[in-house]
Amino acid sequence: MTVRPGRSEDLAAVRALDVEAFGIDAWSEPAWRDEWDQVPDLRHLVVAVEAGEIVGFGLLAAVAGVADLHRIAVTAPWRRRGVGRALVEALLDEARARRCDRMLLEVEAANEAALALYDRLGFVRIARRRAYYGPDRDAVVLERRLG
């Protein structure tokens, strides 16, 4: 498995994986196009590829020294195999290259696997957003200092 920068021809596979991972919370095609239109100026997309197929992706925004991890997903058969970690590490590297001093993200409070991954990667919990993802679906805001 390799992680590389995303390309415009990856968007259909990324969008399909977004739907697989997030269901009704997946971003629309126009939302993905809007994100892509900001690459590389304000956004950076990475994809994890195995045997020519995209098995994961991550997207960050970097503005004024702060990187915001917007989206990350791994296809079900590849979860818990280090793909998520590799994607986050690639985005951390990109954030440092863009001279960001910290990375922020929100994750659903019930997503124990993601919270455990971010804990292992040195993120700390700094806030909770009530009903951020809908009724009874809080978000935990995480931060990692870079440097």
N, C-alpha and C. Protein backbone atom coordinates (compact mmCIF):
# COMPACT_ATOMS: atom_id res chain seq x y z
N MET A 1 0.85 -1.17 0.00
CA MET A 1 0.00 0.00 0.00
C MET A 1 0.89 1.24 0.00
N THR A 2 0.54 2.17 -0.86
CA THR A 2 1.28 3.43 -0.92
C THR A 2 0.31 4.59 -0.73
N VAL A 3 0.83 5.68 -0.21
CA VAL A 3 0.06 6.92 -0.06
C VAL A 3 0.70 7.94 -0.97
N ARG A 4 -0.13 8.58 -1.77
CA ARG A 4 0.35 9.58 -2.72
C ARG A 4 -0.64 10.74 -2.78
N PRO A 5 -0.21 11.88 -3.33
CA PRO A 5 -1.16 12.98 -3.53
C PRO A 5 -2.28 12.56 -4.48
N GLY A 6 -3.47 13.04 -4.19
CA GLY A 6 -4.61 12.76 -5.05
C GLY A 6 -4.52 13.54 -6.35
N ARG A 7 -5.17 12.98 -7.37
CA ARG A 7 -5.23 13.61 -8.69
C ARG A 7 -6.71 13.74 -9.08
N SER A 8 -6.98 14.59 -10.03
CA SER A 8 -8.38 14.82 -10.42
C SER A 8 -9.06 13.53 -10.87
N GLU A 9 -8.32 12.63 -11.50
CA GLU A 9 -8.92 11.37 -11.94
C GLU A 9 -9.26 10.44 -10.78
N ASP A 10 -8.82 10.76 -9.56
CA ASP A 10 -9.15 9.96 -8.38
C ASP A 10 -10.49 10.34 -7.77
N LEU A 11 -11.06 11.47 -8.17
CA LEU A 11 -12.23 11.99 -7.48
C LEU A 11 -13.43 11.05 -7.50
N ALA A 12 -13.68 10.34 -8.57
CA ALA A 12 -14.83 9.43 -8.61
C ALA A 12 -14.66 8.32 -7.58
N ALA A 13 -13.46 7.75 -7.47
CA ALA A 13 -13.21 6.70 -6.49
C ALA A 13 -13.25 7.26 -5.07
N VAL A 14 -12.73 8.46 -4.88
CA VAL A 14 -12.77 9.09 -3.56
C VAL A 14 -14.21 9.34 -3.15
N ARG A 15 -15.00 9.85 -4.07
CA ARG A 15 -16.42 10.12 -3.77
C ARG A 15 -17.14 8.82 -3.43
N ALA A 16 -16.89 7.73 -4.18
CA ALA A 16 -17.53 6.44 -3.88
C ALA A 16 -17.13 5.94 -2.50
N LEU A 17 -15.88 6.10 -2.14
CA LEU A 17 -15.42 5.69 -0.81
C LEU A 17 -16.04 6.56 0.27
N ASP A 18 -16.20 7.84 -0.01
CA ASP A 18 -16.86 8.75 0.93
C ASP A 18 -18.29 8.27 1.20
N VAL A 19 -19.01 7.89 0.16
CA VAL A 19 -20.38 7.37 0.31
C VAL A 19 -20.36 6.07 1.12
N GLU A 20 -19.42 5.17 0.80
CA GLU A 20 -19.32 3.91 1.55
C GLU A 20 -19.10 4.17 3.04
N ALA A 21 -18.19 5.09 3.34
CA ALA A 21 -17.80 5.33 4.72
C ALA A 21 -18.80 6.17 5.51
N PHE A 22 -19.42 7.15 4.86
CA PHE A 22 -20.23 8.12 5.59
C PHE A 22 -21.73 8.06 5.27
N GLY A 23 -22.13 7.27 4.29
CA GLY A 23 -23.55 7.12 3.99
C GLY A 23 -24.22 8.44 3.71
N ILE A 24 -25.30 8.72 4.45
CA ILE A 24 -26.06 9.96 4.22
C ILE A 24 -25.25 11.21 4.58
N ASP A 25 -24.16 11.05 5.33
CA ASP A 25 -23.31 12.18 5.67
C ASP A 25 -22.20 12.43 4.65
N ALA A 26 -22.19 11.65 3.58
CA ALA A 26 -21.18 11.84 2.53
C ALA A 26 -21.37 13.20 1.87
N TRP A 27 -20.27 13.74 1.38
CA TRP A 27 -20.33 15.01 0.66
C TRP A 27 -20.88 14.78 -0.73
N SER A 28 -21.56 15.78 -1.25
CA SER A 28 -22.10 15.72 -2.60
C SER A 28 -20.96 15.87 -3.62
N GLU A 29 -21.27 15.53 -4.86
CA GLU A 29 -20.28 15.71 -5.92
C GLU A 29 -19.87 17.18 -6.06
N PRO A 30 -20.82 18.13 -6.02
CA PRO A 30 -20.40 19.54 -6.08
C PRO A 30 -19.51 19.95 -4.90
N ALA A 31 -19.77 19.41 -3.73
CA ALA A 31 -18.92 19.74 -2.57
C ALA A 31 -17.50 19.23 -2.80
N TRP A 32 -17.38 18.02 -3.35
CA TRP A 32 -16.05 17.49 -3.66
C TRP A 32 -15.37 18.33 -4.74
N ARG A 33 -16.11 18.76 -5.73
CA ARG A 33 -15.53 19.61 -6.78
C ARG A 33 -15.03 20.92 -6.17
N ASP A 34 -15.82 21.51 -5.27
CA ASP A 34 -15.40 22.74 -4.61
C ASP A 34 -14.10 22.53 -3.83
N GLU A 35 -14.00 21.41 -3.13
CA GLU A 35 -12.77 21.11 -2.40
C GLU A 35 -11.61 20.98 -3.38
N TRP A 36 -11.84 20.20 -4.45
CA TRP A 36 -10.76 19.96 -5.42
C TRP A 36 -10.30 21.26 -6.07
N ASP A 37 -11.21 22.18 -6.30
CA ASP A 37 -10.85 23.45 -6.93
C ASP A 37 -9.87 24.25 -6.07
N GLN A 38 -9.74 23.91 -4.80
CA GLN A 38 -8.83 24.62 -3.90
C GLN A 38 -7.49 23.89 -3.71
N VAL A 39 -7.31 22.77 -4.41
CA VAL A 39 -6.03 22.04 -4.39
C VAL A 39 -5.15 22.66 -5.48
N PRO A 40 -3.92 23.00 -5.24
CA PRO A 40 -3.13 22.84 -4.02
C PRO A 40 -3.08 24.09 -3.14
N ASP A 41 -3.75 25.16 -3.54
CA ASP A 41 -3.60 26.43 -2.81
C ASP A 41 -3.95 26.31 -1.33
N LEU A 42 -5.15 25.82 -1.04
CA LEU A 42 -5.60 25.74 0.35
C LEU A 42 -5.90 24.31 0.80
N ARG A 43 -5.95 23.37 -0.10
CA ARG A 43 -6.31 21.98 0.23
C ARG A 43 -5.22 21.03 -0.23
N HIS A 44 -5.23 19.85 0.39
CA HIS A 44 -4.32 18.78 -0.02
C HIS A 44 -5.07 17.45 0.17
N LEU A 45 -5.13 16.68 -0.91
CA LEU A 45 -5.79 15.37 -0.89
C LEU A 45 -4.73 14.30 -1.05
N VAL A 46 -4.78 13.29 -0.17
CA VAL A 46 -3.92 12.13 -0.32
C VAL A 46 -4.81 10.89 -0.46
N VAL A 47 -4.29 9.92 -1.20
CA VAL A 47 -5.01 8.66 -1.37
C VAL A 47 -4.07 7.51 -1.03
N ALA A 48 -4.66 6.46 -0.47
CA ALA A 48 -3.92 5.21 -0.23
C ALA A 48 -4.31 4.26 -1.34
N VAL A 49 -3.31 3.67 -2.00
CA VAL A 49 -3.54 2.83 -3.17
C VAL A 49 -2.94 1.45 -2.94
N GLU A 50 -3.72 0.44 -3.24
CA GLU A 50 -3.25 -0.95 -3.20
C GLU A 50 -3.70 -1.63 -4.47
N ALA A 51 -2.78 -2.23 -5.19
CA ALA A 51 -3.06 -2.95 -6.43
C ALA A 51 -3.88 -2.08 -7.40
N GLY A 52 -3.54 -0.80 -7.46
CA GLY A 52 -4.20 0.11 -8.40
C GLY A 52 -5.56 0.63 -7.95
N GLU A 53 -6.01 0.24 -6.77
CA GLU A 53 -7.31 0.70 -6.28
C GLU A 53 -7.15 1.60 -5.07
N ILE A 54 -7.98 2.63 -5.00
CA ILE A 54 -7.95 3.54 -3.86
C ILE A 54 -8.67 2.87 -2.69
N VAL A 55 -7.93 2.70 -1.58
CA VAL A 55 -8.49 2.05 -0.40
C VAL A 55 -8.67 3.02 0.76
N GLY A 56 -8.26 4.28 0.56
CA GLY A 56 -8.44 5.29 1.58
C GLY A 56 -8.09 6.66 1.04
N PHE A 57 -8.56 7.69 1.73
CA PHE A 57 -8.22 9.05 1.34
C PHE A 57 -8.24 9.94 2.58
N GLY A 58 -7.55 11.06 2.48
CA GLY A 58 -7.57 12.08 3.52
C GLY A 58 -7.47 13.44 2.87
N LEU A 59 -8.12 14.42 3.47
CA LEU A 59 -8.17 15.77 2.92
C LEU A 59 -7.92 16.77 4.02
N LEU A 60 -7.02 17.71 3.77
CA LEU A 60 -6.79 18.76 4.74
C LEU A 60 -6.90 20.12 4.09
N ALA A 61 -7.25 21.10 4.91
CA ALA A 61 -7.22 22.51 4.52
C ALA A 61 -6.15 23.17 5.38
N ALA A 62 -5.39 24.05 4.79
CA ALA A 62 -4.34 24.76 5.52
C ALA A 62 -4.49 26.25 5.27
N VAL A 63 -4.76 27.00 6.35
CA VAL A 63 -4.95 28.44 6.25
C VAL A 63 -4.34 29.09 7.49
N ALA A 64 -3.52 30.10 7.27
CA ALA A 64 -2.98 30.93 8.35
C ALA A 64 -2.32 30.12 9.46
N GLY A 65 -1.54 29.12 9.07
CA GLY A 65 -0.79 28.36 10.05
C GLY A 65 -1.55 27.26 10.77
N VAL A 66 -2.79 27.04 10.37
CA VAL A 66 -3.59 25.98 10.98
C VAL A 66 -4.04 25.01 9.91
N ALA A 67 -3.78 23.73 10.16
CA ALA A 67 -4.26 22.67 9.25
C ALA A 67 -5.52 22.09 9.86
N ASP A 68 -6.53 21.91 9.04
CA ASP A 68 -7.79 21.31 9.49
C ASP A 68 -8.00 20.04 8.70
N LEU A 69 -7.98 18.91 9.39
CA LEU A 69 -8.23 17.64 8.72
C LEU A 69 -9.73 17.57 8.44
N HIS A 70 -10.09 17.74 7.18
CA HIS A 70 -11.50 17.81 6.80
C HIS A 70 -12.17 16.45 6.70
N ARG A 71 -11.46 15.47 6.17
CA ARG A 71 -12.12 14.20 5.87
C ARG A 71 -11.07 13.11 5.79
N ILE A 72 -11.40 11.94 6.30
CA ILE A 72 -10.55 10.77 6.15
C ILE A 72 -11.45 9.54 6.14
N ALA A 73 -11.15 8.61 5.26
CA ALA A 73 -11.94 7.38 5.19
C ALA A 73 -11.09 6.26 4.63
N VAL A 74 -11.38 5.06 5.09
CA VAL A 74 -10.72 3.85 4.63
C VAL A 74 -11.81 2.83 4.32
N THR A 75 -11.68 2.15 3.18
CA THR A 75 -12.67 1.15 2.81
C THR A 75 -12.67 0.01 3.84
N ALA A 76 -13.83 -0.57 4.08
CA ALA A 76 -14.00 -1.55 5.16
C ALA A 76 -12.95 -2.66 5.18
N PRO A 77 -12.64 -3.30 4.06
CA PRO A 77 -11.65 -4.40 4.13
C PRO A 77 -10.25 -3.96 4.55
N TRP A 78 -9.96 -2.67 4.48
CA TRP A 78 -8.62 -2.19 4.79
C TRP A 78 -8.53 -1.49 6.14
N ARG A 79 -9.63 -1.44 6.88
CA ARG A 79 -9.60 -0.80 8.20
C ARG A 79 -8.80 -1.65 9.18
N ARG A 80 -8.20 -0.95 10.13
CA ARG A 80 -7.38 -1.59 11.19
C ARG A 80 -6.15 -2.30 10.63
N ARG A 81 -5.65 -1.76 9.50
CA ARG A 81 -4.44 -2.32 8.87
C ARG A 81 -3.38 -1.26 8.65
N GLY A 82 -3.52 -0.11 9.32
CA GLY A 82 -2.52 0.94 9.25
C GLY A 82 -2.75 1.97 8.17
N VAL A 83 -3.82 1.83 7.40
CA VAL A 83 -4.07 2.78 6.31
C VAL A 83 -4.43 4.15 6.87
N GLY A 84 -5.33 4.20 7.85
CA GLY A 84 -5.71 5.48 8.44
C GLY A 84 -4.52 6.21 9.03
N ARG A 85 -3.69 5.46 9.74
CA ARG A 85 -2.48 6.05 10.33
C ARG A 85 -1.58 6.62 9.24
N ALA A 86 -1.36 5.87 8.17
CA ALA A 86 -0.50 6.34 7.08
C ALA A 86 -1.07 7.60 6.44
N LEU A 87 -2.37 7.67 6.28
CA LEU A 87 -3.00 8.85 5.70
C LEU A 87 -2.82 10.07 6.60
N VAL A 88 -3.08 9.89 7.90
CA VAL A 88 -2.94 11.01 8.84
C VAL A 88 -1.48 11.47 8.89
N GLU A 89 -0.54 10.53 8.91
CA GLU A 89 0.87 10.91 8.94
C GLU A 89 1.27 11.68 7.68
N ALA A 90 0.74 11.29 6.53
CA ALA A 90 1.02 12.04 5.29
C ALA A 90 0.45 13.45 5.37
N LEU A 91 -0.72 13.59 5.96
CA LEU A 91 -1.32 14.92 6.10
C LEU A 91 -0.58 15.76 7.13
N LEU A 92 -0.08 15.13 8.19
CA LEU A 92 0.74 15.86 9.16
C LEU A 92 2.02 16.37 8.49
N ASP A 93 2.64 15.53 7.66
CA ASP A 93 3.83 15.96 6.92
C ASP A 93 3.51 17.15 6.02
N GLU A 94 2.38 17.09 5.33
CA GLU A 94 1.99 18.20 4.45
C GLU A 94 1.73 19.46 5.26
N ALA A 95 1.09 19.33 6.40
CA ALA A 95 0.82 20.49 7.25
C ALA A 95 2.14 21.14 7.69
N ARG A 96 3.10 20.32 8.05
CA ARG A 96 4.42 20.88 8.43
C ARG A 96 5.07 21.57 7.23
N ALA A 97 4.98 20.95 6.06
CA ALA A 97 5.56 21.55 4.86
C ALA A 97 4.92 22.89 4.54
N ARG A 98 3.67 23.05 4.92
CA ARG A 98 2.96 24.32 4.71
C ARG A 98 3.15 25.28 5.88
N ARG A 99 4.05 24.93 6.78
CA ARG A 99 4.40 25.75 7.93
C ARG A 99 3.25 25.96 8.91
N CYS A 100 2.39 24.98 9.02
CA CYS A 100 1.32 25.04 10.02
C CYS A 100 1.90 24.69 11.39
N ASP A 101 1.38 25.32 12.43
CA ASP A 101 1.88 25.02 13.77
C ASP A 101 0.96 24.07 14.54
N ARG A 102 -0.21 23.77 13.97
CA ARG A 102 -1.11 22.81 14.61
C ARG A 102 -2.10 22.25 13.61
N MET A 103 -2.66 21.09 13.97
CA MET A 103 -3.71 20.48 13.16
C MET A 103 -4.92 20.28 14.06
N LEU A 104 -6.08 20.59 13.51
CA LEU A 104 -7.35 20.41 14.21
C LEU A 104 -8.22 19.44 13.43
N LEU A 105 -9.14 18.79 14.14
CA LEU A 105 -10.14 17.96 13.47
C LEU A 105 -11.31 17.73 14.41
N GLU A 106 -12.44 17.36 13.83
CA GLU A 106 -13.60 16.92 14.59
C GLU A 106 -13.85 15.46 14.25
N VAL A 107 -14.26 14.70 15.25
CA VAL A 107 -14.61 13.30 15.04
C VAL A 107 -15.84 13.01 15.89
N GLU A 108 -16.71 12.17 15.35
CA GLU A 108 -17.92 11.84 16.10
C GLU A 108 -17.54 11.16 17.41
N ALA A 109 -18.14 11.62 18.50
CA ALA A 109 -17.79 11.13 19.83
C ALA A 109 -17.96 9.63 19.97
N ALA A 110 -18.85 9.04 19.20
CA ALA A 110 -19.09 7.59 19.28
C ALA A 110 -18.09 6.78 18.45
N ASN A 111 -17.24 7.42 17.70
CA ASN A 111 -16.29 6.72 16.82
C ASN A 111 -15.03 6.36 17.62
N GLU A 112 -15.14 5.30 18.39
CA GLU A 112 -14.06 4.89 19.29
C GLU A 112 -12.78 4.51 18.55
N ALA A 113 -12.91 3.87 17.39
CA ALA A 113 -11.71 3.48 16.63
C ALA A 113 -10.94 4.71 16.18
N ALA A 114 -11.63 5.71 15.67
CA ALA A 114 -10.96 6.93 15.23
C ALA A 114 -10.34 7.67 16.41
N LEU A 115 -11.07 7.77 17.52
CA LEU A 115 -10.52 8.45 18.69
C LEU A 115 -9.25 7.75 19.19
N ALA A 116 -9.25 6.43 19.17
CA ALA A 116 -8.06 5.68 19.60
C ALA A 116 -6.88 5.96 18.67
N LEU A 117 -7.14 5.99 17.37
CA LEU A 117 -6.08 6.29 16.40
C LEU A 117 -5.49 7.68 16.67
N TYR A 118 -6.36 8.67 16.81
CA TYR A 118 -5.88 10.03 17.02
C TYR A 118 -5.14 10.15 18.35
N ASP A 119 -5.60 9.44 19.37
CA ASP A 119 -4.87 9.43 20.65
C ASP A 119 -3.45 8.90 20.44
N ARG A 120 -3.33 7.79 19.71
CA ARG A 120 -2.01 7.19 19.45
C ARG A 120 -1.10 8.14 18.66
N LEU A 121 -1.71 8.98 17.84
CA LEU A 121 -0.93 9.91 17.01
C LEU A 121 -0.65 11.24 17.72
N GLY A 122 -1.01 11.34 18.99
CA GLY A 122 -0.66 12.52 19.77
C GLY A 122 -1.65 13.66 19.76
N PHE A 123 -2.85 13.43 19.27
CA PHE A 123 -3.88 14.46 19.32
C PHE A 123 -4.47 14.52 20.73
N VAL A 124 -4.86 15.72 21.14
CA VAL A 124 -5.49 15.89 22.45
C VAL A 124 -6.88 16.48 22.25
N ARG A 125 -7.77 16.14 23.16
CA ARG A 125 -9.15 16.61 23.10
C ARG A 125 -9.21 18.01 23.69
N ILE A 126 -9.78 18.94 22.92
CA ILE A 126 -9.82 20.32 23.39
C ILE A 126 -11.24 20.87 23.53
N ALA A 127 -12.22 20.20 22.94
CA ALA A 127 -13.60 20.70 23.04
C ALA A 127 -14.57 19.61 22.61
N ARG A 128 -15.83 19.87 22.88
CA ARG A 128 -16.91 18.98 22.44
C ARG A 128 -17.99 19.86 21.83
N ARG A 129 -18.48 19.47 20.67
CA ARG A 129 -19.54 20.23 20.00
C ARG A 129 -20.81 19.40 20.03
N ARG A 130 -21.75 19.87 20.79
CA ARG A 130 -23.02 19.15 20.97
C ARG A 130 -23.81 19.14 19.65
N ALA A 131 -24.33 17.97 19.31
CA ALA A 131 -25.20 17.78 18.14
C ALA A 131 -24.55 18.26 16.84
N TYR A 132 -23.24 18.24 16.75
CA TYR A 132 -22.52 18.71 15.56
C TYR A 132 -22.90 17.90 14.32
N TYR A 133 -23.07 16.60 14.50
CA TYR A 133 -23.42 15.72 13.39
C TYR A 133 -24.91 15.40 13.33
N GLY A 134 -25.70 16.03 14.18
CA GLY A 134 -27.13 15.78 14.25
C GLY A 134 -27.54 15.49 15.68
N PRO A 135 -28.82 15.29 15.91
CA PRO A 135 -29.29 15.02 17.27
C PRO A 135 -28.55 13.83 17.90
N ASP A 136 -28.09 14.04 19.13
CA ASP A 136 -27.39 13.00 19.89
C ASP A 136 -26.11 12.51 19.22
N ARG A 137 -25.52 13.33 18.34
CA ARG A 137 -24.28 12.97 17.64
C ARG A 137 -23.26 14.10 17.82
N ASP A 138 -22.60 14.09 18.97
CA ASP A 138 -21.62 15.11 19.30
C ASP A 138 -20.31 14.88 18.55
N ALA A 139 -19.57 15.96 18.42
CA ALA A 139 -18.21 15.89 17.88
C ALA A 139 -17.22 16.20 19.00
N VAL A 140 -16.10 15.52 18.95
CA VAL A 140 -14.96 15.84 19.81
C VAL A 140 -13.97 16.59 18.93
N VAL A 141 -13.51 17.73 19.41
CA VAL A 141 -12.51 18.52 18.68
C VAL A 141 -11.13 18.13 19.22
N LEU A 142 -10.24 17.77 18.30
CA LEU A 142 -8.90 17.33 18.65
C LEU A 142 -7.88 18.28 18.06
N GLU A 143 -6.73 18.36 18.72
CA GLU A 143 -5.65 19.22 18.25
C GLU A 143 -4.33 18.48 18.42
N ARG A 144 -3.44 18.74 17.48
CA ARG A 144 -2.07 18.28 17.62
C ARG A 144 -1.14 19.42 17.23
N ARG A 145 -0.25 19.74 18.13
CA ARG A 145 0.77 20.75 17.84
C ARG A 145 1.80 20.15 16.92
N LEU A 146 2.30 20.94 15.98
CA LEU A 146 3.30 20.48 15.02
C LEU A 146 4.61 21.20 15.27
N GLY A 147 5.68 20.55 14.93
CA GLY A 147 6.94 21.25 15.10
C GLY A 147 8.10 20.35 15.36
